[in-house]
Structure formats: C-alpha cells, structure tokens
Amino acid sequence: MLKSYYIFGGEYLSKPNQNQQQEYRRVRTPKKGEIPGVVEQIMGHGKLKVRCADGNIRMTRIPGKMKKRIWIREGDVILVKPWDFQADEKADVIWRYTKTESNWLERKGYLKM
C-alpha cells in the first residue's frame, strides 16, 4: 500500500491521521502600543488601508519579513503598531489573525469596531 505525502518547505511529511488530537494555539493579544484593526482596502505594493479599533483609518505597510509569508485580504483582522511620528496616519502590520482568533478577540472585547 502506498502512503501519500505532503510537501512542506522542501520536506516530505506524512499525511496527518484523522484520529489526531486538535491543536490548540494561544491567541496573541494586543500589547501596549499595538492596535487591532480590519483591512478596508488593499492599495498595492504592500500597503493597506486599515480601520483601527481606536477609530482612526491608517495607511499601513507590510514589512519585508511578512510580505511573502502571509497573505492579507480585505476584511482580515490584523494587529498594527503605529509609527512614532504620524501615529494617527501610519502604522506597520505585525500580526494577522485567523477567523477563529478574530472571533475570540471580539468576544473578549479587544475588537471594538
């Protein structure tokens, strides 16, 4: 009988069993100086327009180390860190939440839109 394999990052991994336990991951909560927000518009060249939880709409950029690793779409919940200058207008993206994590954030009161 042949086994099927998944290719992940150049390595061959065996197919996960259906009987495996569900993996739990801790949700990254916003720390001091970080603000959650929802992506409103993708501007291109790694720039996004984000409606932040504090009420401001900021132009954010995706840093180079995140650009090719994660994909951000309109409606995604992300975590941004405002710049030291122009803090009300510009910020950097530091995290993208999954749908499950964003639901948890909303239930716990971190995401007030």
PDB file of N, CA and C in Angstrom:
ATOM      1  N   MET A   1       0.833  -1.182   0.000  1.00  0.00           N
ATOM      2  CA  MET A   1       0.000   0.000   0.000  1.00  0.00           C
ATOM      3  C   MET A   1       0.882   1.252   0.000  1.00  0.00           C
ATOM      4  N   LEU A   2       0.580   2.202  -0.869  1.00  0.00           N
ATOM      5  CA  LEU A   2       1.357   3.427  -0.964  1.00  0.00           C
ATOM      6  C   LEU A   2       0.854   4.458   0.026  1.00  0.00           C
ATOM      7  N   LYS A   3       1.793   5.162   0.651  1.00  0.00           N
ATOM      8  CA  LYS A   3       1.434   6.266   1.535  1.00  0.00           C
ATOM      9  C   LYS A   3       1.465   7.560   0.739  1.00  0.00           C
ATOM     10  N   SER A   4       0.578   8.473   1.060  1.00  0.00           N
ATOM     11  CA  SER A   4       0.629   9.778   0.410  1.00  0.00           C
ATOM     12  C   SER A   4       1.361  10.747   1.334  1.00  0.00           C
ATOM     13  N   TYR A   5       2.067  11.678   0.743  1.00  0.00           N
ATOM     14  CA  TYR A   5       2.871  12.623   1.499  1.00  0.00           C
ATOM     15  C   TYR A   5       2.537  14.047   1.081  1.00  0.00           C
ATOM     16  N   TYR A   6       2.690  14.947   2.019  1.00  0.00           N
ATOM     17  CA  TYR A   6       2.569  16.367   1.744  1.00  0.00           C
ATOM     18  C   TYR A   6       3.972  16.948   1.641  1.00  0.00           C
ATOM     19  N   ILE A   7       4.173  17.841   0.705  1.00  0.00           N
ATOM     20  CA  ILE A   7       5.457  18.524   0.600  1.00  0.00           C
ATOM     21  C   ILE A   7       5.302  19.870   1.280  1.00  0.00           C
ATOM     22  N   PHE A   8       6.149  20.136   2.259  1.00  0.00           N
ATOM     23  CA  PHE A   8       6.067  21.365   3.022  1.00  0.00           C
ATOM     24  C   PHE A   8       7.463  21.926   3.200  1.00  0.00           C
ATOM     25  N   GLY A   9       7.759  23.017   2.541  1.00  0.00           N
ATOM     26  CA  GLY A   9       9.055  23.669   2.690  1.00  0.00           C
ATOM     27  C   GLY A   9      10.207  22.803   2.228  1.00  0.00           C
ATOM     28  N   GLY A  10       9.984  21.970   1.201  1.00  0.00           N
ATOM     29  CA  GLY A  10      11.054  21.143   0.683  1.00  0.00           C
ATOM     30  C   GLY A  10      11.208  19.811   1.400  1.00  0.00           C
ATOM     31  N   GLU A  11      10.403  19.576   2.453  1.00  0.00           N
ATOM     32  CA  GLU A  11      10.486  18.326   3.194  1.00  0.00           C
ATOM     33  C   GLU A  11       9.245  17.491   2.909  1.00  0.00           C
ATOM     34  N   TYR A  12       9.417  16.189   2.984  1.00  0.00           N
ATOM     35  CA  TYR A  12       8.273  15.296   2.831  1.00  0.00           C
ATOM     36  C   TYR A  12       7.723  14.962   4.214  1.00  0.00           C
ATOM     37  N   LEU A  13       6.447  15.193   4.399  1.00  0.00           N
ATOM     38  CA  LEU A  13       5.792  14.896   5.666  1.00  0.00           C
ATOM     39  C   LEU A  13       4.688  13.885   5.413  1.00  0.00           C
ATOM     40  N   SER A  14       4.489  13.008   6.353  1.00  0.00           N
ATOM     41  CA  SER A  14       3.435  12.014   6.162  1.00  0.00           C
ATOM     42  C   SER A  14       2.074  12.667   6.312  1.00  0.00           C
ATOM     43  N   LYS A  15       1.077  12.057   5.700  1.00  0.00           N
ATOM     44  CA  LYS A  15      -0.288  12.578   5.736  1.00  0.00           C
ATOM     45  C   LYS A  15      -0.822  12.504   7.164  1.00  0.00           C
ATOM     46  N   PRO A  16      -1.437  13.565   7.664  1.00  0.00           N
ATOM     47  CA  PRO A  16      -1.935  13.534   9.045  1.00  0.00           C
ATOM     48  C   PRO A  16      -3.098  12.541   9.188  1.00  0.00           C
ATOM     49  N   ASN A  17      -3.122  11.864  10.318  1.00  0.00           N
ATOM     50  CA  ASN A  17      -4.197  10.915  10.597  1.00  0.00           C
ATOM     51  C   ASN A  17      -5.471  11.651  10.993  1.00  0.00           C
ATOM     52  N   GLN A  18      -6.597  11.000  10.743  1.00  0.00           N
ATOM     53  CA  GLN A  18      -7.878  11.587  11.134  1.00  0.00           C
ATOM     54  C   GLN A  18      -8.087  11.501  12.638  1.00  0.00           C
ATOM     55  N   ASN A  19      -7.334  10.626  13.323  1.00  0.00           N
ATOM     56  CA  ASN A  19      -7.521  10.416  14.757  1.00  0.00           C
ATOM     57  C   ASN A  19      -6.650  11.321  15.614  1.00  0.00           C
ATOM     58  N   GLN A  20      -5.888  12.210  14.979  1.00  0.00           N
ATOM     59  CA  GLN A  20      -5.004  13.075  15.743  1.00  0.00           C
ATOM     60  C   GLN A  20      -5.807  14.102  16.533  1.00  0.00           C
ATOM     61  N   GLN A  21      -5.252  14.513  17.658  1.00  0.00           N
ATOM     62  CA  GLN A  21      -5.912  15.490  18.515  1.00  0.00           C
ATOM     63  C   GLN A  21      -5.870  16.863  17.871  1.00  0.00           C
ATOM     64  N   GLN A  22      -6.851  17.688  18.219  1.00  0.00           N
ATOM     65  CA  GLN A  22      -6.901  19.041  17.687  1.00  0.00           C
ATOM     66  C   GLN A  22      -5.821  19.887  18.348  1.00  0.00           C
ATOM     67  N   GLU A  23      -5.156  20.702  17.560  1.00  0.00           N
ATOM     68  CA  GLU A  23      -4.081  21.535  18.075  1.00  0.00           C
ATOM     69  C   GLU A  23      -4.654  22.843  18.610  1.00  0.00           C
ATOM     70  N   TYR A  24      -4.245  23.220  19.830  1.00  0.00           N
ATOM     71  CA  TYR A  24      -4.679  24.472  20.424  1.00  0.00           C
ATOM     72  C   TYR A  24      -3.525  25.449  20.388  1.00  0.00           C
ATOM     73  N   ARG A  25      -3.847  26.702  20.049  1.00  0.00           N
ATOM     74  CA  ARG A  25      -2.831  27.735  19.964  1.00  0.00           C
ATOM     75  C   ARG A  25      -3.312  28.946  20.737  1.00  0.00           C
ATOM     76  N   ARG A  26      -2.422  29.568  21.431  1.00  0.00           N
ATOM     77  CA  ARG A  26      -2.751  30.748  22.213  1.00  0.00           C
ATOM     78  C   ARG A  26      -2.920  31.953  21.290  1.00  0.00           C
ATOM     79  N   VAL A  27      -3.945  32.757  21.549  1.00  0.00           N
ATOM     80  CA  VAL A  27      -4.202  33.943  20.722  1.00  0.00           C
ATOM     81  C   VAL A  27      -3.295  35.068  21.192  1.00  0.00           C
ATOM     82  N   ARG A  28      -2.660  35.726  20.246  1.00  0.00           N
ATOM     83  CA  ARG A  28      -1.777  36.853  20.564  1.00  0.00           C
ATOM     84  C   ARG A  28      -2.630  38.071  20.852  1.00  0.00           C
ATOM     85  N   THR A  29      -2.614  38.536  22.080  1.00  0.00           N
ATOM     86  CA  THR A  29      -3.403  39.699  22.468  1.00  0.00           C
ATOM     87  C   THR A  29      -2.582  40.969  22.225  1.00  0.00           C
ATOM     88  N   PRO A  30      -3.256  42.095  21.967  1.00  0.00           N
ATOM     89  CA  PRO A  30      -2.523  43.346  21.736  1.00  0.00           C
ATOM     90  C   PRO A  30      -1.779  43.796  22.992  1.00  0.00           C
ATOM     91  N   LYS A  31      -0.510  44.122  22.821  1.00  0.00           N
ATOM     92  CA  LYS A  31       0.298  44.640  23.921  1.00  0.00           C
ATOM     93  C   LYS A  31       0.241  46.163  23.887  1.00  0.00           C
ATOM     94  N   LYS A  32       0.971  46.808  24.789  1.00  0.00           N
ATOM     95  CA  LYS A  32       0.970  48.263  24.862  1.00  0.00           C
ATOM     96  C   LYS A  32       1.502  48.850  23.555  1.00  0.00           C
ATOM     97  N   GLY A  33       0.765  49.767  22.965  1.00  0.00           N
ATOM     98  CA  GLY A  33       1.180  50.412  21.732  1.00  0.00           C
ATOM     99  C   GLY A  33       0.727  49.689  20.474  1.00  0.00           C
ATOM    100  N   GLU A  34       0.013  48.569  20.607  1.00  0.00           N
ATOM    101  CA  GLU A  34      -0.479  47.820  19.456  1.00  0.00           C
ATOM    102  C   GLU A  34      -1.998  47.932  19.396  1.00  0.00           C
ATOM    103  N   ILE A  35      -2.534  48.029  18.184  1.00  0.00           N
ATOM    104  CA  ILE A  35      -3.965  48.249  17.995  1.00  0.00           C
ATOM    105  C   ILE A  35      -4.499  47.243  16.971  1.00  0.00           C
ATOM    106  N   PRO A  36      -5.586  46.542  17.300  1.00  0.00           N
ATOM    107  CA  PRO A  36      -6.196  45.676  16.276  1.00  0.00           C
ATOM    108  C   PRO A  36      -6.988  46.514  15.274  1.00  0.00           C
ATOM    109  N   GLY A  37      -7.136  45.983  14.071  1.00  0.00           N
ATOM    110  CA  GLY A  37      -7.880  46.695  13.042  1.00  0.00           C
ATOM    111  C   GLY A  37      -8.344  45.752  11.950  1.00  0.00           C
ATOM    112  N   VAL A  38      -9.241  46.255  11.090  1.00  0.00           N
ATOM    113  CA  VAL A  38      -9.792  45.478   9.993  1.00  0.00           C
ATOM    114  C   VAL A  38      -9.331  46.112   8.679  1.00  0.00           C
ATOM    115  N   VAL A  39      -8.853  45.273   7.754  1.00  0.00           N
ATOM    116  CA  VAL A  39      -8.372  45.756   6.462  1.00  0.00           C
ATOM    117  C   VAL A  39      -9.564  46.224   5.636  1.00  0.00           C
ATOM    118  N   GLU A  40      -9.544  47.487   5.207  1.00  0.00           N
ATOM    119  CA  GLU A  40     -10.618  48.044   4.382  1.00  0.00           C
ATOM    120  C   GLU A  40     -10.296  47.983   2.905  1.00  0.00           C
ATOM    121  N   GLN A  41      -9.029  48.261   2.568  1.00  0.00           N
ATOM    122  CA  GLN A  41      -8.660  48.339   1.161  1.00  0.00           C
ATOM    123  C   GLN A  41      -7.192  47.972   1.001  1.00  0.00           C
ATOM    124  N   ILE A  42      -6.904  47.220  -0.068  1.00  0.00           N
ATOM    125  CA  ILE A  42      -5.526  46.886  -0.399  1.00  0.00           C
ATOM    126  C   ILE A  42      -5.065  47.870  -1.469  1.00  0.00           C
ATOM    127  N   MET A  43      -4.020  48.623  -1.170  1.00  0.00           N
ATOM    128  CA  MET A  43      -3.564  49.688  -2.049  1.00  0.00           C
ATOM    129  C   MET A  43      -2.513  49.213  -3.053  1.00  0.00           C
ATOM    130  N   GLY A  44      -1.856  48.097  -2.789  1.00  0.00           N
ATOM    131  CA  GLY A  44      -0.794  47.612  -3.654  1.00  0.00           C
ATOM    132  C   GLY A  44       0.571  47.956  -3.089  1.00  0.00           C
ATOM    133  N   HIS A  45       1.587  47.256  -3.535  1.00  0.00           N
ATOM    134  CA  HIS A  45       2.967  47.457  -3.092  1.00  0.00           C
ATOM    135  C   HIS A  45       3.116  47.310  -1.584  1.00  0.00           C
ATOM    136  N   GLY A  46       2.364  46.386  -0.984  1.00  0.00           N
ATOM    137  CA  GLY A  46       2.491  46.122   0.445  1.00  0.00           C
ATOM    138  C   GLY A  46       1.857  47.157   1.333  1.00  0.00           C
ATOM    139  N   LYS A  47       0.943  47.946   0.795  1.00  0.00           N
ATOM    140  CA  LYS A  47       0.258  48.974   1.589  1.00  0.00           C
ATOM    141  C   LYS A  47      -1.219  48.611   1.742  1.00  0.00           C
ATOM    142  N   LEU A  48      -1.773  48.903   2.917  1.00  0.00           N
ATOM    143  CA  LEU A  48      -3.169  48.604   3.227  1.00  0.00           C
ATOM    144  C   LEU A  48      -3.809  49.798   3.910  1.00  0.00           C
ATOM    145  N   LYS A  49      -5.115  49.957   3.720  1.00  0.00           N
ATOM    146  CA  LYS A  49      -5.887  50.944   4.472  1.00  0.00           C
ATOM    147  C   LYS A  49      -6.647  50.164   5.537  1.00  0.00           C
ATOM    148  N   VAL A  50      -6.430  50.514   6.806  1.00  0.00           N
ATOM    149  CA  VAL A  50      -6.964  49.741   7.933  1.00  0.00           C
ATOM    150  C   VAL A  50      -7.791  50.633   8.841  1.00  0.00           C
ATOM    151  N   ARG A  51      -8.993  50.158   9.211  1.00  0.00           N
ATOM    152  CA  ARG A  51      -9.818  50.842  10.208  1.00  0.00           C
ATOM    153  C   ARG A  51      -9.457  50.251  11.563  1.00  0.00           C
ATOM    154  N   CYS A  52      -8.809  51.064  12.401  1.00  0.00           N
ATOM    155  CA  CYS A  52      -8.308  50.596  13.691  1.00  0.00           C
ATOM    156  C   CYS A  52      -9.379  50.699  14.775  1.00  0.00           C
ATOM    157  N   ALA A  53      -9.160  49.975  15.867  1.00  0.00           N
ATOM    158  CA  ALA A  53     -10.130  49.929  16.965  1.00  0.00           C
ATOM    159  C   ALA A  53     -10.259  51.270  17.681  1.00  0.00           C
ATOM    160  N   ASP A  54      -9.248  52.144  17.557  1.00  0.00           N
ATOM    161  CA  ASP A  54      -9.343  53.452  18.207  1.00  0.00           C
ATOM    162  C   ASP A  54     -10.093  54.482  17.362  1.00  0.00           C
ATOM    163  N   GLY A  55     -10.597  54.067  16.179  1.00  0.00           N
ATOM    164  CA  GLY A  55     -11.419  54.942  15.355  1.00  0.00           C
ATOM    165  C   GLY A  55     -10.689  55.580  14.183  1.00  0.00           C
ATOM    166  N   ASN A  56      -9.378  55.501  14.154  1.00  0.00           N
ATOM    167  CA  ASN A  56      -8.606  56.101  13.059  1.00  0.00           C
ATOM    168  C   ASN A  56      -8.510  55.146  11.874  1.00  0.00           C
ATOM    169  N   ILE A  57      -8.401  55.727  10.690  1.00  0.00           N
ATOM    170  CA  ILE A  57      -8.100  54.940   9.492  1.00  0.00           C
ATOM    171  C   ILE A  57      -6.644  55.213   9.157  1.00  0.00           C
ATOM    172  N   ARG A  58      -5.824  54.165   9.196  1.00  0.00           N
ATOM    173  CA  ARG A  58      -4.392  54.316   8.990  1.00  0.00           C
ATOM    174  C   ARG A  58      -3.950  53.655   7.702  1.00  0.00           C
ATOM    175  N   MET A  59      -2.930  54.250   7.082  1.00  0.00           N
ATOM    176  CA  MET A  59      -2.245  53.629   5.954  1.00  0.00           C
ATOM    177  C   MET A  59      -1.140  52.775   6.571  1.00  0.00           C
ATOM    178  N   THR A  60      -1.209  51.465   6.362  1.00  0.00           N
ATOM    179  CA  THR A  60      -0.228  50.569   6.958  1.00  0.00           C
ATOM    180  C   THR A  60       0.623  49.941   5.873  1.00  0.00           C
ATOM    181  N   ARG A  61       1.771  49.444   6.270  1.00  0.00           N
ATOM    182  CA  ARG A  61       2.636  48.741   5.327  1.00  0.00           C
ATOM    183  C   ARG A  61       2.961  47.378   5.905  1.00  0.00           C
ATOM    184  N   ILE A  62       3.163  46.420   5.002  1.00  0.00           N
ATOM    185  CA  ILE A  62       3.548  45.078   5.412  1.00  0.00           C
ATOM    186  C   ILE A  62       5.067  45.020   5.352  1.00  0.00           C
ATOM    187  N   PRO A  63       5.746  44.757   6.473  1.00  0.00           N
ATOM    188  CA  PRO A  63       7.205  44.693   6.447  1.00  0.00           C
ATOM    189  C   PRO A  63       7.705  43.560   5.550  1.00  0.00           C
ATOM    190  N   GLY A  64       8.938  43.674   5.091  1.00  0.00           N
ATOM    191  CA  GLY A  64       9.502  42.710   4.160  1.00  0.00           C
ATOM    192  C   GLY A  64       9.510  41.283   4.665  1.00  0.00           C
ATOM    193  N   LYS A  65       9.730  41.078   5.975  1.00  0.00           N
ATOM    194  CA  LYS A  65       9.795  39.720   6.501  1.00  0.00           C
ATOM    195  C   LYS A  65       8.428  39.038   6.496  1.00  0.00           C
ATOM    196  N   MET A  66       7.338  39.811   6.393  1.00  0.00           N
ATOM    197  CA  MET A  66       5.990  39.239   6.360  1.00  0.00           C
ATOM    198  C   MET A  66       5.416  39.157   4.955  1.00  0.00           C
ATOM    199  N   LYS A  67       5.966  39.925   4.021  1.00  0.00           N
ATOM    200  CA  LYS A  67       5.367  40.077   2.697  1.00  0.00           C
ATOM    201  C   LYS A  67       5.110  38.758   1.985  1.00  0.00           C
ATOM    202  N   LYS A  68       6.096  37.888   1.968  1.00  0.00           N
ATOM    203  CA  LYS A  68       5.954  36.646   1.223  1.00  0.00           C
ATOM    204  C   LYS A  68       5.467  35.492   2.080  1.00  0.00           C
ATOM    205  N   ARG A  69       5.370  35.679   3.390  1.00  0.00           N
ATOM    206  CA  ARG A  69       4.984  34.594   4.284  1.00  0.00           C
ATOM    207  C   ARG A  69       3.480  34.527   4.542  1.00  0.00           C
ATOM    208  N   ILE A  70       2.820  35.676   4.625  1.00  0.00           N
ATOM    209  CA  ILE A  70       1.381  35.670   4.892  1.00  0.00           C
ATOM    210  C   ILE A  70       0.650  36.437   3.803  1.00  0.00           C
ATOM    211  N   TRP A  71      -0.585  36.056   3.585  1.00  0.00           N
ATOM    212  CA  TRP A  71      -1.443  36.724   2.616  1.00  0.00           C
ATOM    213  C   TRP A  71      -2.544  37.427   3.392  1.00  0.00           C
ATOM    214  N   ILE A  72      -2.716  38.713   3.112  1.00  0.00           N
ATOM    215  CA  ILE A  72      -3.742  39.505   3.791  1.00  0.00           C
ATOM    216  C   ILE A  72      -4.784  39.915   2.769  1.00  0.00           C
ATOM    217  N   ARG A  73      -6.068  39.705   3.114  1.00  0.00           N
ATOM    218  CA  ARG A  73      -7.179  40.058   2.234  1.00  0.00           C
ATOM    219  C   ARG A  73      -8.049  41.113   2.910  1.00  0.00           C
ATOM    220  N   GLU A  74      -8.933  41.719   2.138  1.00  0.00           N
ATOM    221  CA  GLU A  74      -9.872  42.686   2.702  1.00  0.00           C
ATOM    222  C   GLU A  74     -10.775  41.972   3.693  1.00  0.00           C
ATOM    223  N   GLY A  75     -11.022  42.612   4.835  1.00  0.00           N
ATOM    224  CA  GLY A  75     -11.865  42.027   5.865  1.00  0.00           C
ATOM    225  C   GLY A  75     -11.096  41.261   6.919  1.00  0.00           C
ATOM    226  N   ASP A  76      -9.800  41.008   6.705  1.00  0.00           N
ATOM    227  CA  ASP A  76      -8.986  40.310   7.702  1.00  0.00           C
ATOM    228  C   ASP A  76      -8.756  41.209   8.906  1.00  0.00           C
ATOM    229  N   VAL A  77      -8.664  40.590  10.080  1.00  0.00           N
ATOM    230  CA  VAL A  77      -8.333  41.312  11.304  1.00  0.00           C
ATOM    231  C   VAL A  77      -6.826  41.209  11.497  1.00  0.00           C
ATOM    232  N   ILE A  78      -6.182  42.359  11.658  1.00  0.00           N
ATOM    233  CA  ILE A  78      -4.730  42.398  11.828  1.00  0.00           C
ATOM    234  C   ILE A  78      -4.382  43.226  13.052  1.00  0.00           C
ATOM    235  N   LEU A  79      -3.132  43.107  13.472  1.00  0.00           N
ATOM    236  CA  LEU A  79      -2.611  43.885  14.588  1.00  0.00           C
ATOM    237  C   LEU A  79      -1.586  44.856  14.024  1.00  0.00           C
ATOM    238  N   VAL A  80      -1.731  46.134  14.345  1.00  0.00           N
ATOM    239  CA  VAL A  80      -0.820  47.149  13.811  1.00  0.00           C
ATOM    240  C   VAL A  80      -0.104  47.875  14.939  1.00  0.00           C
ATOM    241  N   LYS A  81       1.078  48.383  14.629  1.00  0.00           N
ATOM    242  CA  LYS A  81       1.842  49.208  15.566  1.00  0.00           C
ATOM    243  C   LYS A  81       2.045  50.568  14.923  1.00  0.00           C
ATOM    244  N   PRO A  82       1.406  51.615  15.465  1.00  0.00           N
ATOM    245  CA  PRO A  82       1.553  52.959  14.896  1.00  0.00           C
ATOM    246  C   PRO A  82       3.004  53.444  14.955  1.00  0.00           C
ATOM    247  N   TRP A  83       3.368  54.248  13.974  1.00  0.00           N
ATOM    248  CA  TRP A  83       4.701  54.830  13.927  1.00  0.00           C
ATOM    249  C   TRP A  83       4.854  55.839  15.066  1.00  0.00           C
ATOM    250  N   ASP A  84       6.105  56.146  15.404  1.00  0.00           N
ATOM    251  CA  ASP A  84       6.370  57.138  16.450  1.00  0.00           C
ATOM    252  C   ASP A  84       5.920  58.527  16.014  1.00  0.00           C
ATOM    253  N   PHE A  85       6.139  58.854  14.734  1.00  0.00           N
ATOM    254  CA  PHE A  85       5.647  60.112  14.183  1.00  0.00           C
ATOM    255  C   PHE A  85       4.501  59.768  13.242  1.00  0.00           C
ATOM    256  N   GLN A  86       3.591  60.654  13.034  1.00  0.00           N
ATOM    257  CA  GLN A  86       2.377  60.422  12.243  1.00  0.00           C
ATOM    258  C   GLN A  86       1.608  59.208  12.759  1.00  0.00           C
ATOM    259  N   ALA A  87       1.493  59.095  14.077  1.00  0.00           N
ATOM    260  CA  ALA A  87       0.878  57.925  14.707  1.00  0.00           C
ATOM    261  C   ALA A  87      -0.598  57.780  14.344  1.00  0.00           C
ATOM    262  N   ASP A  88      -1.284  58.893  14.026  1.00  0.00           N
ATOM    263  CA  ASP A  88      -2.700  58.815  13.670  1.00  0.00           C
ATOM    264  C   ASP A  88      -2.911  58.467  12.206  1.00  0.00           C
ATOM    265  N   GLU A  89      -1.850  58.478  11.409  1.00  0.00           N
ATOM    266  CA  GLU A  89      -1.994  58.259   9.971  1.00  0.00           C
ATOM    267  C   GLU A  89      -1.323  56.990   9.461  1.00  0.00           C
ATOM    268  N   LYS A  90      -0.199  56.568  10.065  1.00  0.00           N
ATOM    269  CA  LYS A  90       0.577  55.464   9.508  1.00  0.00           C
ATOM    270  C   LYS A  90       0.942  54.444  10.575  1.00  0.00           C
ATOM    271  N   ALA A  91       1.108  53.173  10.113  1.00  0.00           N
ATOM    272  CA  ALA A  91       1.436  52.080  11.039  1.00  0.00           C
ATOM    273  C   ALA A  91       2.066  50.925  10.268  1.00  0.00           C
ATOM    274  N   ASP A  92       2.607  49.968  11.017  1.00  0.00           N
ATOM    275  CA  ASP A  92       3.168  48.736  10.454  1.00  0.00           C
ATOM    276  C   ASP A  92       2.300  47.557  10.869  1.00  0.00           C
ATOM    277  N   VAL A  93       2.146  46.585   9.983  1.00  0.00           N
ATOM    278  CA  VAL A  93       1.416  45.358  10.299  1.00  0.00           C
ATOM    279  C   VAL A  93       2.367  44.439  11.042  1.00  0.00           C
ATOM    280  N   ILE A  94       1.908  43.872  12.176  1.00  0.00           N
ATOM    281  CA  ILE A  94       2.774  42.952  12.911  1.00  0.00           C
ATOM    282  C   ILE A  94       2.165  41.566  13.076  1.00  0.00           C
ATOM    283  N   TRP A  95       0.849  41.398  12.833  1.00  0.00           N
ATOM    284  CA  TRP A  95       0.215  40.093  13.006  1.00  0.00           C
ATOM    285  C   TRP A  95      -1.077  40.026  12.220  1.00  0.00           C
ATOM    286  N   ARG A  96      -1.415  38.850  11.679  1.00  0.00           N
ATOM    287  CA  ARG A  96      -2.711  38.610  11.049  1.00  0.00           C
ATOM    288  C   ARG A  96      -3.411  37.510  11.821  1.00  0.00           C
ATOM    289  N   TYR A  97      -4.656  37.773  12.219  1.00  0.00           N
ATOM    290  CA  TYR A  97      -5.443  36.806  12.972  1.00  0.00           C
ATOM    291  C   TYR A  97      -6.250  35.922  12.017  1.00  0.00           C
ATOM    292  N   THR A  98      -6.454  34.669  12.419  1.00  0.00           N
ATOM    293  CA  THR A  98      -7.346  33.786  11.677  1.00  0.00           C
ATOM    294  C   THR A  98      -8.785  34.132  12.044  1.00  0.00           C
ATOM    295  N   LYS A  99      -9.749  33.533  11.347  1.00  0.00           N
ATOM    296  CA  LYS A  99     -11.168  33.803  11.641  1.00  0.00           C
ATOM    297  C   LYS A  99     -11.516  33.399  13.070  1.00  0.00           C
ATOM    298  N   THR A 100     -11.018  32.249  13.510  1.00  0.00           N
ATOM    299  CA  THR A 100     -11.306  31.771  14.864  1.00  0.00           C
ATOM    300  C   THR A 100     -10.720  32.715  15.908  1.00  0.00           C
ATOM    301  N   GLU A 101      -9.483  33.163  15.675  1.00  0.00           N
ATOM    302  CA  GLU A 101      -8.845  34.079  16.616  1.00  0.00           C
ATOM    303  C   GLU A 101      -9.557  35.427  16.654  1.00  0.00           C
ATOM    304  N   SER A 102     -10.012  35.920  15.492  1.00  0.00           N
ATOM    305  CA  SER A 102     -10.706  37.210  15.471  1.00  0.00           C
ATOM    306  C   SER A 102     -12.064  37.116  16.165  1.00  0.00           C
ATOM    307  N   ASN A 103     -12.742  35.968  16.050  1.00  0.00           N
ATOM    308  CA  ASN A 103     -13.991  35.772  16.792  1.00  0.00           C
ATOM    309  C   ASN A 103     -13.734  35.795  18.293  1.00  0.00           C
ATOM    310  N   TRP A 104     -12.649  35.177  18.734  1.00  0.00           N
ATOM    311  CA  TRP A 104     -12.293  35.160  20.144  1.00  0.00           C
ATOM    312  C   TRP A 104     -11.997  36.574  20.643  1.00  0.00           C
ATOM    313  N   LEU A 105     -11.239  37.348  19.844  1.00  0.00           N
ATOM    314  CA  LEU A 105     -10.920  38.734  20.215  1.00  0.00           C
ATOM    315  C   LEU A 105     -12.185  39.570  20.369  1.00  0.00           C
ATOM    316  N   GLU A 106     -13.144  39.356  19.464  1.00  0.00           N
ATOM    317  CA  GLU A 106     -14.395  40.121  19.519  1.00  0.00           C
ATOM    318  C   GLU A 106     -15.202  39.755  20.765  1.00  0.00           C
ATOM    319  N   ARG A 107     -15.238  38.476  21.091  1.00  0.00           N
ATOM    320  CA  ARG A 107     -15.977  38.035  22.290  1.00  0.00           C
ATOM    321  C   ARG A 107     -15.353  38.573  23.570  1.00  0.00           C
ATOM    322  N   LYS A 108     -14.020  38.670  23.617  1.00  0.00           N
ATOM    323  CA  LYS A 108     -13.319  39.139  24.811  1.00  0.00           C
ATOM    324  C   LYS A 108     -13.251  40.656  24.902  1.00  0.00           C
ATOM    325  N   GLY A 109     -13.690  41.378  23.866  1.00  0.00           N
ATOM    326  CA  GLY A 109     -13.753  42.840  23.941  1.00  0.00           C
ATOM    327  C   GLY A 109     -12.518  43.569  23.452  1.00  0.00           C
ATOM    328  N   TYR A 110     -11.572  42.877  22.831  1.00  0.00           N
ATOM    329  CA  TYR A 110     -10.376  43.538  22.291  1.00  0.00           C
ATOM    330  C   TYR A 110     -10.685  44.279  20.998  1.00  0.00           C
ATOM    331  N   LEU A 111     -11.699  43.810  20.259  1.00  0.00           N
ATOM    332  CA  LEU A 111     -12.005  44.348  18.943  1.00  0.00           C
ATOM    333  C   LEU A 111     -13.330  45.090  19.000  1.00  0.00           C
ATOM    334  N   LYS A 112     -13.253  46.406  19.178  1.00  0.00           N
ATOM    335  CA  LYS A 112     -14.462  47.230  19.238  1.00  0.00           C
ATOM    336  C   LYS A 112     -14.521  48.094  18.004  1.00  0.00           C
ATOM    337  N   MET A 113     -15.384  47.743  17.074  1.00  0.00           N
ATOM    338  CA  MET A 113     -15.472  48.499  15.820  1.00  0.00           C
ATOM    339  C   MET A 113     -16.764  49.271  15.757  1.00  0.00           C
TER     340      MET A 113
END
